PDB file of N, CA and C in Angstrom:
ATOM      1  N   UNK A   1     183.026 -24.532 239.994  1.00  0.00           N
ATOM      2  CA  UNK A   1     182.606 -24.541 241.595  1.00  0.00           C
ATOM      3  C   UNK A   1     182.297 -25.564 242.038  1.00  0.00           C
ATOM      4  N   UNK A   2     183.060 -26.000 243.512  1.00  0.00           N
ATOM      5  CA  UNK A   2     182.452 -27.036 244.374  1.00  0.00           C
ATOM      6  C   UNK A   2     181.466 -26.288 245.167  1.00  0.00           C
ATOM      7  N   UNK A   3     180.739 -27.372 245.917  1.00  0.00           N
ATOM      8  CA  UNK A   3     180.165 -27.098 247.034  1.00  0.00           C
ATOM      9  C   UNK A   3     180.153 -28.170 248.068  1.00  0.00           C
ATOM     10  N   UNK A   4     179.564 -27.737 249.517  1.00  0.00           N
ATOM     11  CA  UNK A   4     179.800 -28.441 250.244  1.00  0.00           C
ATOM     12  C   UNK A   4     177.698 -28.667 250.365  1.00  0.00           C
ATOM     13  N   UNK A   5     177.344 -30.242 250.448  1.00  0.00           N
ATOM     14  CA  UNK A   5     175.830 -30.514 250.290  1.00  0.00           C
ATOM     15  C   UNK A   5     175.648 -30.778 251.787  1.00  0.00           C
ATOM     16  N   UNK A   6     174.583 -30.450 252.719  1.00  0.00           N
ATOM     17  CA  UNK A   6     174.757 -31.183 253.837  1.00  0.00           C
ATOM     18  C   UNK A   6     173.200 -31.860 254.108  1.00  0.00           C
ATOM     19  N   UNK A   7     173.628 -33.193 254.630  1.00  0.00           N
ATOM     20  CA  UNK A   7     172.065 -33.880 254.450  1.00  0.00           C
ATOM     21  C   UNK A   7     171.896 -34.380 255.605  1.00  0.00           C
ATOM     22  N   UNK A   8     170.716 -34.674 255.751  1.00  0.00           N
ATOM     23  CA  UNK A   8     170.462 -35.521 256.762  1.00  0.00           C
ATOM     24  C   UNK A   8     170.944 -37.074 257.207  1.00  0.00           C
ATOM     25  N   UNK A   9     171.576 -37.414 258.223  1.00  0.00           N
ATOM     26  CA  UNK A   9     171.848 -38.953 258.220  1.00  0.00           C
ATOM     27  C   UNK A   9     170.847 -39.609 259.349  1.00  0.00           C
ATOM     28  N   UNK A  10     171.348 -40.918 259.528  1.00  0.00           N
ATOM     29  CA  UNK A  10     170.575 -41.704 260.558  1.00  0.00           C
ATOM     30  C   UNK A  10     170.852 -41.360 262.030  1.00  0.00           C
ATOM     31  N   UNK A  11     171.890 -40.689 262.570  1.00  0.00           N
ATOM     32  CA  UNK A  11     171.964 -40.068 263.740  1.00  0.00           C
ATOM     33  C   UNK A  11     172.380 -38.850 263.986  1.00  0.00           C
ATOM     34  N   UNK A  12     172.169 -37.859 262.374  1.00  0.00           N
ATOM     35  CA  UNK A  12     172.676 -36.670 262.744  1.00  0.00           C
ATOM     36  C   UNK A  12     172.192 -35.963 261.400  1.00  0.00           C
ATOM     37  N   UNK A  13     173.695 -35.397 261.028  1.00  0.00           N
ATOM     38  CA  UNK A  13     173.864 -34.577 259.787  1.00  0.00           C
ATOM     39  C   UNK A  13     175.484 -34.842 258.899  1.00  0.00           C
ATOM     40  N   UNK A  14     175.376 -34.870 257.834  1.00  0.00           N
ATOM     41  CA  UNK A  14     176.582 -35.161 257.116  1.00  0.00           C
ATOM     42  C   UNK A  14     176.811 -34.121 256.129  1.00  0.00           C
ATOM     43  N   UNK A  15     178.119 -33.963 255.778  1.00  0.00           N
ATOM     44  CA  UNK A  15     178.575 -33.174 254.432  1.00  0.00           C
ATOM     45  C   UNK A  15     178.946 -34.081 253.396  1.00  0.00           C
ATOM     46  N   UNK A  16     179.039 -33.352 252.182  1.00  0.00           N
ATOM     47  CA  UNK A  16     179.602 -34.112 251.090  1.00  0.00           C
ATOM     48  C   UNK A  16     180.076 -32.963 250.334  1.00  0.00           C
ATOM     49  N   UNK A  17     181.541 -32.983 250.085  1.00  0.00           N
ATOM     50  CA  UNK A  17     181.843 -31.835 249.151  1.00  0.00           C
ATOM     51  C   UNK A  17     182.215 -32.309 247.500  1.00  0.00           C
ATOM     52  N   UNK A  18     181.277 -31.606 246.772  1.00  0.00           N
ATOM     53  CA  UNK A  18     181.052 -32.015 245.649  1.00  0.00           C
ATOM     54  C   UNK A  18     181.868 -31.141 244.610  1.00  0.00           C
ATOM     55  N   UNK A  19     182.513 -31.967 243.366  1.00  0.00           N
ATOM     56  CA  UNK A  19     183.004 -30.957 242.745  1.00  0.00           C
ATOM     57  C   UNK A  19     182.194 -30.112 241.577  1.00  0.00           C
ATOM     58  N   UNK A  20     182.479 -29.242 240.938  1.00  0.00           N
ATOM     59  CA  UNK A  20     181.936 -28.705 239.808  1.00  0.00           C
ATOM     60  C   UNK A  20     180.981 -29.717 238.807  1.00  0.00           C
ATOM     61  N   UNK A  21     181.554 -30.992 238.903  1.00  0.00           N
ATOM     62  CA  UNK A  21     180.964 -31.679 237.795  1.00  0.00           C
ATOM     63  C   UNK A  21     179.768 -32.369 238.863  1.00  0.00           C
ATOM     64  N   UNK A  22     179.588 -32.411 240.303  1.00  0.00           N
ATOM     65  CA  UNK A  22     178.769 -33.236 240.736  1.00  0.00           C
ATOM     66  C   UNK A  22     179.121 -34.718 241.570  1.00  0.00           C
ATOM     67  N   UNK A  23     180.579 -34.783 241.323  1.00  0.00           N
ATOM     68  CA  UNK A  23     181.279 -35.840 241.920  1.00  0.00           C
ATOM     69  C   UNK A  23     181.609 -36.001 243.284  1.00  0.00           C
ATOM     70  N   UNK A  24     181.580 -36.378 243.780  1.00  0.00           N
ATOM     71  CA  UNK A  24     181.537 -36.496 245.514  1.00  0.00           C
ATOM     72  C   UNK A  24     182.967 -36.159 245.911  1.00  0.00           C
ATOM     73  N   UNK A  25     183.701 -35.519 246.209  1.00  0.00           N
ATOM     74  CA  UNK A  25     185.103 -35.824 246.479  1.00  0.00           C
ATOM     75  C   UNK A  25     185.747 -35.816 247.968  1.00  0.00           C
ATOM     76  N   UNK A  26     184.893 -35.583 248.841  1.00  0.00           N
ATOM     77  CA  UNK A  26     184.910 -35.807 250.343  1.00  0.00           C
ATOM     78  C   UNK A  26     183.758 -36.065 251.038  1.00  0.00           C
ATOM     79  N   UNK A  27     183.869 -36.669 252.024  1.00  0.00           N
ATOM     80  CA  UNK A  27     182.722 -36.873 252.720  1.00  0.00           C
ATOM     81  C   UNK A  27     183.121 -36.920 254.412  1.00  0.00           C
ATOM     82  N   UNK A  28     182.221 -36.591 255.483  1.00  0.00           N
ATOM     83  CA  UNK A  28     182.415 -35.973 256.461  1.00  0.00           C
ATOM     84  C   UNK A  28     181.871 -37.290 257.503  1.00  0.00           C
ATOM     85  N   UNK A  29     182.237 -37.134 258.940  1.00  0.00           N
ATOM     86  CA  UNK A  29     181.585 -37.995 259.908  1.00  0.00           C
ATOM     87  C   UNK A  29     180.505 -37.378 260.087  1.00  0.00           C
ATOM     88  N   UNK A  30     179.403 -38.217 260.873  1.00  0.00           N
ATOM     89  CA  UNK A  30     178.264 -37.950 261.054  1.00  0.00           C
ATOM     90  C   UNK A  30     178.050 -36.883 262.139  1.00  0.00           C
ATOM     91  N   UNK A  31     177.375 -35.652 262.138  1.00  0.00           N
ATOM     92  CA  UNK A  31     177.640 -34.697 263.368  1.00  0.00           C
ATOM     93  C   UNK A  31     176.396 -34.805 264.017  1.00  0.00           C
ATOM     94  N   UNK A  32     176.219 -34.405 265.199  1.00  0.00           N
ATOM     95  CA  UNK A  32     174.749 -34.447 266.236  1.00  0.00           C
ATOM     96  C   UNK A  32     174.048 -33.149 265.756  1.00  0.00           C
ATOM     97  N   UNK A  33     174.789 -32.414 265.344  1.00  0.00           N
ATOM     98  CA  UNK A  33     173.731 -31.216 265.181  1.00  0.00           C
ATOM     99  C   UNK A  33     174.278 -30.157 263.922  1.00  0.00           C
ATOM    100  N   UNK A  34     173.371 -29.570 263.214  1.00  0.00           N
ATOM    101  CA  UNK A  34     173.779 -28.399 262.215  1.00  0.00           C
ATOM    102  C   UNK A  34     174.905 -27.487 262.498  1.00  0.00           C
ATOM    103  N   UNK A  35     174.953 -27.322 263.557  1.00  0.00           N
ATOM    104  CA  UNK A  35     176.200 -25.929 263.813  1.00  0.00           C
ATOM    105  C   UNK A  35     177.628 -26.972 263.722  1.00  0.00           C
ATOM    106  N   UNK A  36     177.458 -28.075 264.193  1.00  0.00           N
ATOM    107  CA  UNK A  36     178.611 -28.597 264.362  1.00  0.00           C
ATOM    108  C   UNK A  36     179.280 -29.037 262.858  1.00  0.00           C
ATOM    109  N   UNK A  37     178.118 -29.309 262.304  1.00  0.00           N
ATOM    110  CA  UNK A  37     178.440 -29.707 260.633  1.00  0.00           C
ATOM    111  C   UNK A  37     179.391 -28.465 260.050  1.00  0.00           C
ATOM    112  N   UNK A  38     178.414 -27.314 260.462  1.00  0.00           N
ATOM    113  CA  UNK A  38     179.091 -26.188 259.529  1.00  0.00           C
ATOM    114  C   UNK A  38     180.408 -25.577 260.176  1.00  0.00           C
ATOM    115  N   UNK A  39     180.626 -26.182 261.237  1.00  0.00           N
ATOM    116  CA  UNK A  39     181.847 -26.027 261.999  1.00  0.00           C
ATOM    117  C   UNK A  39     183.065 -26.847 261.359  1.00  0.00           C
ATOM    118  N   UNK A  40     182.571 -28.161 261.147  1.00  0.00           N
ATOM    119  CA  UNK A  40     183.141 -29.174 260.254  1.00  0.00           C
ATOM    120  C   UNK A  40     184.064 -28.518 258.862  1.00  0.00           C
ATOM    121  N   UNK A  41     182.773 -27.980 258.280  1.00  0.00           N
ATOM    122  CA  UNK A  41     182.957 -27.579 256.777  1.00  0.00           C
ATOM    123  C   UNK A  41     184.002 -26.200 256.798  1.00  0.00           C
ATOM    124  N   UNK A  42     183.913 -25.530 257.357  1.00  0.00           N
ATOM    125  CA  UNK A  42     184.641 -24.212 257.832  1.00  0.00           C
ATOM    126  C   UNK A  42     186.407 -24.767 258.232  1.00  0.00           C
ATOM    127  N   UNK A  43     186.086 -26.025 259.045  1.00  0.00           N
ATOM    128  CA  UNK A  43     187.591 -26.631 259.268  1.00  0.00           C
ATOM    129  C   UNK A  43     188.282 -27.416 257.870  1.00  0.00           C
ATOM    130  N   UNK A  44     187.677 -27.636 257.183  1.00  0.00           N
ATOM    131  CA  UNK A  44     187.924 -28.570 256.090  1.00  0.00           C
ATOM    132  C   UNK A  44     188.310 -27.323 254.879  1.00  0.00           C
ATOM    133  N   UNK A  45     187.703 -26.015 255.015  1.00  0.00           N
ATOM    134  CA  UNK A  45     188.203 -25.285 253.903  1.00  0.00           C
ATOM    135  C   UNK A  45     189.028 -24.483 254.780  1.00  0.00           C
ATOM    136  N   UNK A  46     189.336 -24.105 255.519  1.00  0.00           N
ATOM    137  CA  UNK A  46     190.822 -23.748 256.189  1.00  0.00           C
ATOM    138  C   UNK A  46     191.956 -24.765 256.155  1.00  0.00           C
ATOM    139  N   UNK A  47     191.447 -26.182 256.502  1.00  0.00           N
ATOM    140  CA  UNK A  47     193.022 -27.033 256.666  1.00  0.00           C
ATOM    141  C   UNK A  47     193.375 -27.484 255.429  1.00  0.00           C
ATOM    142  N   UNK A  48     192.491 -27.705 254.090  1.00  0.00           N
ATOM    143  CA  UNK A  48     192.664 -28.224 253.076  1.00  0.00           C
ATOM    144  C   UNK A  48     193.646 -27.177 252.451  1.00  0.00           C
ATOM    145  N   UNK A  49     193.776 -26.142 252.686  1.00  0.00           N
ATOM    146  CA  UNK A  49     194.473 -24.885 251.848  1.00  0.00           C
ATOM    147  C   UNK A  49     196.111 -25.339 252.383  1.00  0.00           C
ATOM    148  N   UNK A  50     196.348 -25.461 253.714  1.00  0.00           N
ATOM    149  CA  UNK A  50     197.753 -25.737 253.969  1.00  0.00           C
ATOM    150  C   UNK A  50     198.051 -26.747 254.437  1.00  0.00           C
ATOM    151  N   UNK A  51     197.179 -27.990 254.520  1.00  0.00           N
ATOM    152  CA  UNK A  51     197.392 -29.148 254.745  1.00  0.00           C
ATOM    153  C   UNK A  51     198.695 -30.201 253.748  1.00  0.00           C
ATOM    154  N   UNK A  52     199.821 -30.585 254.372  1.00  0.00           N
ATOM    155  CA  UNK A  52     201.029 -31.207 253.700  1.00  0.00           C
ATOM    156  C   UNK A  52     200.323 -32.755 253.216  1.00  0.00           C
ATOM    157  N   UNK A  53     200.700 -33.380 252.216  1.00  0.00           N
ATOM    158  CA  UNK A  53     200.400 -34.947 252.131  1.00  0.00           C
ATOM    159  C   UNK A  53     201.413 -35.605 252.624  1.00  0.00           C
ATOM    160  N   UNK A  54     200.731 -36.484 253.678  1.00  0.00           N
ATOM    161  CA  UNK A  54     202.000 -37.761 254.008  1.00  0.00           C
ATOM    162  C   UNK A  54     201.333 -38.878 253.563  1.00  0.00           C
ATOM    163  N   UNK A  55     202.251 -39.357 252.930  1.00  0.00           N
ATOM    164  CA  UNK A  55     202.097 -40.415 251.712  1.00  0.00           C
ATOM    165  C   UNK A  55     202.651 -41.725 252.889  1.00  0.00           C
ATOM    166  N   UNK A  56     201.290 -42.591 253.367  1.00  0.00           N
ATOM    167  CA  UNK A  56     201.954 -43.409 254.278  1.00  0.00           C
ATOM    168  C   UNK A  56     201.920 -44.949 253.363  1.00  0.00           C
ATOM    169  N   UNK A  57     202.135 -44.258 252.180  1.00  0.00           N
ATOM    170  CA  UNK A  57     202.045 -45.864 251.051  1.00  0.00           C
ATOM    171  C   UNK A  57     203.445 -46.530 250.909  1.00  0.00           C
ATOM    172  N   UNK A  58     204.527 -45.241 251.037  1.00  0.00           N
ATOM    173  CA  UNK A  58     205.955 -45.301 250.794  1.00  0.00           C
ATOM    174  C   UNK A  58     206.650 -45.637 251.670  1.00  0.00           C
ATOM    175  N   UNK A  59     207.369 -46.713 251.654  1.00  0.00           N
ATOM    176  CA  UNK A  59     208.411 -47.661 252.929  1.00  0.00           C
ATOM    177  C   UNK A  59     208.967 -45.835 253.592  1.00  0.00           C
ATOM    178  N   UNK A  60     209.256 -45.918 255.183  1.00  0.00           N
ATOM    179  CA  UNK A  60     210.135 -44.591 255.544  1.00  0.00           C
ATOM    180  C   UNK A  60     209.204 -43.529 254.992  1.00  0.00           C
ATOM    181  N   UNK A  61     208.294 -43.519 255.213  1.00  0.00           N
ATOM    182  CA  UNK A  61     207.353 -41.939 254.691  1.00  0.00           C
ATOM    183  C   UNK A  61     207.643 -41.038 255.574  1.00  0.00           C
ATOM    184  N   UNK A  62     207.766 -39.715 255.488  1.00  0.00           N
ATOM    185  CA  UNK A  62     207.960 -38.690 256.520  1.00  0.00           C
ATOM    186  C   UNK A  62     206.442 -38.105 257.181  1.00  0.00           C
ATOM    187  N   UNK A  63     206.755 -38.363 258.687  1.00  0.00           N
ATOM    188  CA  UNK A  63     205.697 -37.762 259.257  1.00  0.00           C
ATOM    189  C   UNK A  63     205.248 -36.394 259.342  1.00  0.00           C
ATOM    190  N   UNK A  64     204.183 -35.837 258.863  1.00  0.00           N
ATOM    191  CA  UNK A  64     203.939 -34.605 258.698  1.00  0.00           C
ATOM    192  C   UNK A  64     203.383 -34.276 259.731  1.00  0.00           C
ATOM    193  N   UNK A  65     203.294 -32.936 260.418  1.00  0.00           N
ATOM    194  CA  UNK A  65     202.612 -32.400 261.444  1.00  0.00           C
ATOM    195  C   UNK A  65     200.834 -32.218 260.984  1.00  0.00           C
ATOM    196  N   UNK A  66     200.141 -32.108 261.815  1.00  0.00           N
ATOM    197  CA  UNK A  66     198.747 -31.953 261.310  1.00  0.00           C
ATOM    198  C   UNK A  66     198.476 -30.406 261.144  1.00  0.00           C
ATOM    199  N   UNK A  67     198.010 -30.156 260.126  1.00  0.00           N
ATOM    200  CA  UNK A  67     196.748 -30.405 259.572  1.00  0.00           C
ATOM    201  C   UNK A  67     197.251 -30.950 258.574  1.00  0.00           C
ATOM    202  N   UNK A  68     197.054 -32.408 258.033  1.00  0.00           N
ATOM    203  CA  UNK A  68     197.427 -32.881 256.885  1.00  0.00           C
ATOM    204  C   UNK A  68     196.666 -33.665 256.506  1.00  0.00           C
ATOM    205  N   UNK A  69     196.802 -34.175 254.623  1.00  0.00           N
ATOM    206  CA  UNK A  69     195.971 -34.985 254.304  1.00  0.00           C
ATOM    207  C   UNK A  69     196.806 -36.357 254.434  1.00  0.00           C
ATOM    208  N   UNK A  70     196.228 -37.886 254.788  1.00  0.00           N
ATOM    209  CA  UNK A  70     197.042 -39.148 254.865  1.00  0.00           C
ATOM    210  C   UNK A  70     196.501 -39.699 253.898  1.00  0.00           C
ATOM    211  N   UNK A  71     197.564 -40.210 252.783  1.00  0.00           N
ATOM    212  CA  UNK A  71     197.363 -41.176 251.838  1.00  0.00           C
ATOM    213  C   UNK A  71     197.683 -42.683 252.021  1.00  0.00           C
ATOM    214  N   UNK A  72     196.918 -43.489 252.053  1.00  0.00           N
ATOM    215  CA  UNK A  72     197.018 -44.945 252.562  1.00  0.00           C
ATOM    216  C   UNK A  72     196.423 -45.915 251.939  1.00  0.00           C
ATOM    217  N   UNK A  73     196.662 -47.148 251.859  1.00  0.00           N
ATOM    218  CA  UNK A  73     195.741 -47.979 251.316  1.00  0.00           C
ATOM    219  C   UNK A  73     194.906 -48.748 252.263  1.00  0.00           C
ATOM    220  N   UNK A  74     193.733 -49.046 251.667  1.00  0.00           N
ATOM    221  CA  UNK A  74     192.593 -49.721 252.430  1.00  0.00           C
ATOM    222  C   UNK A  74     192.719 -51.032 252.166  1.00  0.00           C
ATOM    223  N   UNK A  75     191.847 -52.178 252.938  1.00  0.00           N
ATOM    224  CA  UNK A  75     192.022 -53.504 252.727  1.00  0.00           C
ATOM    225  C   UNK A  75     192.033 -54.021 251.437  1.00  0.00           C
ATOM    226  N   UNK A  76     191.442 -53.410 250.531  1.00  0.00           N
ATOM    227  CA  UNK A  76     190.990 -54.167 249.170  1.00  0.00           C
ATOM    228  C   UNK A  76     192.518 -53.666 248.461  1.00  0.00           C
ATOM    229  N   UNK A  77     193.405 -52.940 249.093  1.00  0.00           N
ATOM    230  CA  UNK A  77     194.701 -52.605 248.447  1.00  0.00           C
ATOM    231  C   UNK A  77     194.935 -50.994 247.700  1.00  0.00           C
ATOM    232  N   UNK A  78     193.337 -50.772 247.818  1.00  0.00           N
ATOM    233  CA  UNK A  78     193.089 -49.149 246.676  1.00  0.00           C
ATOM    234  C   UNK A  78     193.441 -47.954 247.797  1.00  0.00           C
ATOM    235  N   UNK A  79     193.931 -46.905 247.018  1.00  0.00           N
ATOM    236  CA  UNK A  79     194.608 -45.842 247.663  1.00  0.00           C
ATOM    237  C   UNK A  79     193.276 -44.691 248.077  1.00  0.00           C
ATOM    238  N   UNK A  80     193.530 -44.331 249.555  1.00  0.00           N
ATOM    239  CA  UNK A  80     192.635 -43.266 250.316  1.00  0.00           C
ATOM    240  C   UNK A  80     193.243 -42.075 250.590  1.00  0.00           C
ATOM    241  N   UNK A  81     192.172 -41.531 250.831  1.00  0.00           N
ATOM    242  CA  UNK A  81     192.964 -40.334 251.797  1.00  0.00           C
ATOM    243  C   UNK A  81     191.989 -39.911 252.584  1.00  0.00           C
ATOM    244  N   UNK A  82     192.627 -39.152 253.899  1.00  0.00           N
ATOM    245  CA  UNK A  82     191.601 -38.622 254.929  1.00  0.00           C
ATOM    246  C   UNK A  82     192.397 -36.914 255.322  1.00  0.00           C
ATOM    247  N   UNK A  83     191.720 -36.313 255.721  1.00  0.00           N
ATOM    248  CA  UNK A  83     192.411 -34.665 256.239  1.00  0.00           C
ATOM    249  C   UNK A  83     192.038 -34.654 257.403  1.00  0.00           C
ATOM    250  N   UNK A  84     193.124 -34.373 258.135  1.00  0.00           N
ATOM    251  CA  UNK A  84     192.955 -34.408 259.414  1.00  0.00           C
ATOM    252  C   UNK A  84     193.102 -32.838 259.628  1.00  0.00           C
ATOM    253  N   UNK A  85     192.674 -32.412 260.791  1.00  0.00           N
ATOM    254  CA  UNK A  85     192.730 -31.027 261.217  1.00  0.00           C
ATOM    255  C   UNK A  85     193.766 -30.485 262.070  1.00  0.00           C
ATOM    256  N   UNK A  86     194.252 -29.514 262.598  1.00  0.00           N
ATOM    257  CA  UNK A  86     195.374 -29.633 263.252  1.00  0.00           C
ATOM    258  C   UNK A  86     195.225 -30.242 264.500  1.00  0.00           C
ATOM    259  N   UNK A  87     194.234 -30.483 265.236  1.00  0.00           N
ATOM    260  CA  UNK A  87     193.992 -31.322 266.445  1.00  0.00           C
ATOM    261  C   UNK A  87     194.079 -32.961 266.206  1.00  0.00           C
ATOM    262  N   UNK A  88     194.297 -33.183 264.583  1.00  0.00           N
ATOM    263  CA  UNK A  88     194.278 -34.659 264.804  1.00  0.00           C
ATOM    264  C   UNK A  88     193.159 -35.367 264.620  1.00  0.00           C
ATOM    265  N   UNK A  89     191.822 -34.364 264.515  1.00  0.00           N
ATOM    266  CA  UNK A  89     190.570 -35.084 264.119  1.00  0.00           C
ATOM    267  C   UNK A  89     190.579 -35.485 262.645  1.00  0.00           C
ATOM    268  N   UNK A  90     189.886 -36.521 262.295  1.00  0.00           N
ATOM    269  CA  UNK A  90     189.805 -36.513 260.599  1.00  0.00           C
ATOM    270  C   UNK A  90     188.526 -35.380 260.464  1.00  0.00           C
ATOM    271  N   UNK A  91     188.684 -34.811 259.496  1.00  0.00           N
ATOM    272  CA  UNK A  91     187.440 -34.201 259.429  1.00  0.00           C
ATOM    273  C   UNK A  91     186.551 -34.116 257.786  1.00  0.00           C
ATOM    274  N   UNK A  92     187.569 -34.879 257.016  1.00  0.00           N
ATOM    275  CA  UNK A  92     186.964 -35.289 255.752  1.00  0.00           C
ATOM    276  C   UNK A  92     187.801 -36.691 255.069  1.00  0.00           C
ATOM    277  N   UNK A  93     186.947 -37.639 254.579  1.00  0.00           N
ATOM    278  CA  UNK A  93     187.736 -38.900 253.966  1.00  0.00           C
ATOM    279  C   UNK A  93     186.940 -38.888 252.475  1.00  0.00           C
ATOM    280  N   UNK A  94     188.136 -39.284 251.591  1.00  0.00           N
ATOM    281  CA  UNK A  94     187.958 -39.484 250.501  1.00  0.00           C
ATOM    282  C   UNK A  94     187.438 -41.155 249.873  1.00  0.00           C
ATOM    283  N   UNK A  95     187.216 -40.851 248.416  1.00  0.00           N
ATOM    284  CA  UNK A  95     186.673 -42.082 248.117  1.00  0.00           C
ATOM    285  C   UNK A  95     187.709 -43.186 248.026  1.00  0.00           C
ATOM    286  N   UNK A  96     187.615 -44.587 247.134  1.00  0.00           N
ATOM    287  CA  UNK A  96     188.816 -45.482 246.954  1.00  0.00           C
ATOM    288  C   UNK A  96     189.106 -45.048 245.311  1.00  0.00           C
ATOM    289  N   UNK A  97     190.445 -45.338 245.573  1.00  0.00           N
ATOM    290  CA  UNK A  97     191.180 -44.841 243.971  1.00  0.00           C
ATOM    291  C   UNK A  97     192.275 -46.014 243.876  1.00  0.00           C
ATOM    292  N   UNK A  98     192.183 -46.889 242.560  1.00  0.00           N
ATOM    293  CA  UNK A  98     192.793 -47.857 242.051  1.00  0.00           C
ATOM    294  C   UNK A  98     194.223 -47.360 242.047  1.00  0.00           C
ATOM    295  N   UNK A  99     194.643 -46.024 241.644  1.00  0.00           N
ATOM    296  CA  UNK A  99     196.068 -45.826 241.248  1.00  0.00           C
ATOM    297  C   UNK A  99     196.019 -44.640 242.260  1.00  0.00           C
ATOM    298  N   UNK A 100     197.421 -44.566 242.708  1.00  0.00           N
ATOM    299  CA  UNK A 100     197.569 -43.518 243.700  1.00  0.00           C
ATOM    300  C   UNK A 100     197.702 -41.775 242.795  1.00  0.00           C
ATOM    301  N   UNK A 101     197.922 -41.861 241.568  1.00  0.00           N
ATOM    302  CA  UNK A 101     197.943 -40.777 240.920  1.00  0.00           C
ATOM    303  C   UNK A 101     196.068 -39.906 241.118  1.00  0.00           C
ATOM    304  N   UNK A 102     195.326 -41.313 240.832  1.00  0.00           N
ATOM    305  CA  UNK A 102     194.001 -40.473 241.205  1.00  0.00           C
ATOM    306  C   UNK A 102     193.233 -40.023 242.410  1.00  0.00           C
ATOM    307  N   UNK A 103     194.263 -40.837 243.730  1.00  0.00           N
ATOM    308  CA  UNK A 103     194.011 -40.152 245.050  1.00  0.00           C
ATOM    309  C   UNK A 103     194.756 -38.817 245.392  1.00  0.00           C
ATOM    310  N   UNK A 104     195.929 -38.644 244.625  1.00  0.00           N
ATOM    311  CA  UNK A 104     196.456 -37.377 244.768  1.00  0.00           C
ATOM    312  C   UNK A 104     195.837 -36.194 244.116  1.00  0.00           C
ATOM    313  N   UNK A 105     194.948 -36.437 243.067  1.00  0.00           N
ATOM    314  CA  UNK A 105     194.159 -35.699 242.306  1.00  0.00           C
ATOM    315  C   UNK A 105     192.847 -35.165 243.120  1.00  0.00           C
ATOM    316  N   UNK A 106     192.614 -36.079 243.657  1.00  0.00           N
ATOM    317  CA  UNK A 106     191.071 -36.241 244.635  1.00  0.00           C
ATOM    318  C   UNK A 106     191.613 -35.251 245.657  1.00  0.00           C
ATOM    319  N   UNK A 107     192.872 -35.205 246.159  1.00  0.00           N
ATOM    320  CA  UNK A 107     193.488 -33.878 247.056  1.00  0.00           C
ATOM    321  C   UNK A 107     193.658 -32.707 246.682  1.00  0.00           C
ATOM    322  N   UNK A 108     194.114 -32.674 245.395  1.00  0.00           N
ATOM    323  CA  UNK A 108     194.191 -31.388 244.669  1.00  0.00           C
ATOM    324  C   UNK A 108     192.796 -30.571 244.447  1.00  0.00           C
ATOM    325  N   UNK A 109     191.504 -31.748 244.138  1.00  0.00           N
ATOM    326  CA  UNK A 109     190.528 -31.227 244.120  1.00  0.00           C
ATOM    327  C   UNK A 109     189.487 -30.551 245.072  1.00  0.00           C
ATOM    328  N   UNK A 110     189.929 -31.164 246.106  1.00  0.00           N
ATOM    329  CA  UNK A 110     189.432 -30.540 247.736  1.00  0.00           C
ATOM    330  C   UNK A 110     190.137 -29.306 247.809  1.00  0.00           C
ATOM    331  N   UNK A 111     191.456 -29.143 247.481  1.00  0.00           N
ATOM    332  CA  UNK A 111     192.514 -27.818 247.675  1.00  0.00           C
ATOM    333  C   UNK A 111     191.811 -26.619 246.992  1.00  0.00           C
ATOM    334  N   UNK A 112     191.155 -26.985 245.712  1.00  0.00           N
ATOM    335  CA  UNK A 112     190.822 -26.171 244.836  1.00  0.00           C
ATOM    336  C   UNK A 112     189.244 -25.603 244.706  1.00  0.00           C
ATOM    337  N   UNK A 113     188.551 -26.929 245.316  1.00  0.00           N
ATOM    338  CA  UNK A 113     186.965 -26.509 245.479  1.00  0.00           C
ATOM    339  C   UNK A 113     186.522 -26.293 246.835  1.00  0.00           C
ATOM    340  N   UNK A 114     187.292 -26.492 247.928  1.00  0.00           N
ATOM    341  CA  UNK A 114     187.029 -26.402 249.526  1.00  0.00           C
ATOM    342  C   UNK A 114     186.908 -24.882 249.840  1.00  0.00           C
ATOM    343  N   UNK A 115     187.893 -23.644 249.153  1.00  0.00           N
ATOM    344  CA  UNK A 115     187.856 -22.777 249.549  1.00  0.00           C
ATOM    345  C   UNK A 115     187.085 -21.840 249.639  1.00  0.00           C
ATOM    346  N   UNK A 116     186.061 -21.917 248.399  1.00  0.00           N
ATOM    347  CA  UNK A 116     185.034 -20.455 248.332  1.00  0.00           C
ATOM    348  C   UNK A 116     183.958 -21.431 248.092  1.00  0.00           C
ATOM    349  N   UNK A 117     183.620 -22.798 248.221  1.00  0.00           N
ATOM    350  CA  UNK A 117     182.565 -23.821 247.778  1.00  0.00           C
ATOM    351  C   UNK A 117     181.460 -23.311 248.503  1.00  0.00           C
ATOM    352  N   UNK A 118     180.467 -23.061 247.898  1.00  0.00           N
ATOM    353  CA  UNK A 118     178.680 -22.547 248.366  1.00  0.00           C
ATOM    354  C   UNK A 118     178.514 -24.090 249.316  1.00  0.00           C
ATOM    355  N   UNK A 119     177.661 -23.459 250.518  1.00  0.00           N
ATOM    356  CA  UNK A 119     177.253 -24.199 251.194  1.00  0.00           C
ATOM    357  C   UNK A 119     175.530 -24.495 251.051  1.00  0.00           C
ATOM    358  N   UNK A 120     175.371 -25.818 250.823  1.00  0.00           N
ATOM    359  CA  UNK A 120     173.654 -26.330 250.429  1.00  0.00           C
ATOM    360  C   UNK A 120     173.381 -26.914 251.332  1.00  0.00           C
ATOM    361  N   UNK A 121     172.379 -26.473 252.595  1.00  0.00           N
ATOM    362  CA  UNK A 121     171.576 -27.475 253.666  1.00  0.00           C
ATOM    363  C   UNK A 121     170.439 -28.156 253.133  1.00  0.00           C
ATOM    364  N   UNK A 122     170.700 -29.208 253.023  1.00  0.00           N
ATOM    365  CA  UNK A 122     169.216 -29.999 252.734  1.00  0.00           C
ATOM    366  C   UNK A 122     168.816 -30.761 253.872  1.00  0.00           C
ATOM    367  N   UNK A 123     169.690 -30.600 255.102  1.00  0.00           N
ATOM    368  CA  UNK A 123     169.416 -31.224 256.308  1.00  0.00           C
ATOM    369  C   UNK A 123     167.678 -31.268 256.619  1.00  0.00           C
ATOM    370  N   UNK A 124     167.003 -30.394 256.230  1.00  0.00           N
ATOM    371  CA  UNK A 124     165.603 -30.340 256.668  1.00  0.00           C
ATOM    372  C   UNK A 124     165.009 -31.256 255.886  1.00  0.00           C
ATOM    373  N   UNK A 125     165.495 -31.878 254.703  1.00  0.00           N
ATOM    374  CA  UNK A 125     164.743 -32.387 253.748  1.00  0.00           C
ATOM    375  C   UNK A 125     163.959 -33.889 254.400  1.00  0.00           C
TER     376      UNK A 125
END
């Protein structure tokens, strides 16, 4: 089972969604408060379950409505994804993957792990 781990950042707090094996599968932006970070977690839990995948790496890709996972290539040519909420805000991003299949597996891992993930607050440490 996955877990959201909240930790202190330079200018606030962030969360990482970790899979059952401890691997980080998604990271948040920096939030100014713990309550806004927890709202971000709730948004990932909700939106990851209904978001469609918009594959921006294929020519003439179909634009999906938010919430959605956007799959794209970074400057190094590796595959990445970001989860956008219904309002278009980016609420989580994934690491880079050499293969698109790995990136898509990362999205599925978020769907599987986020919904009932435990929340661990390490922001006071």
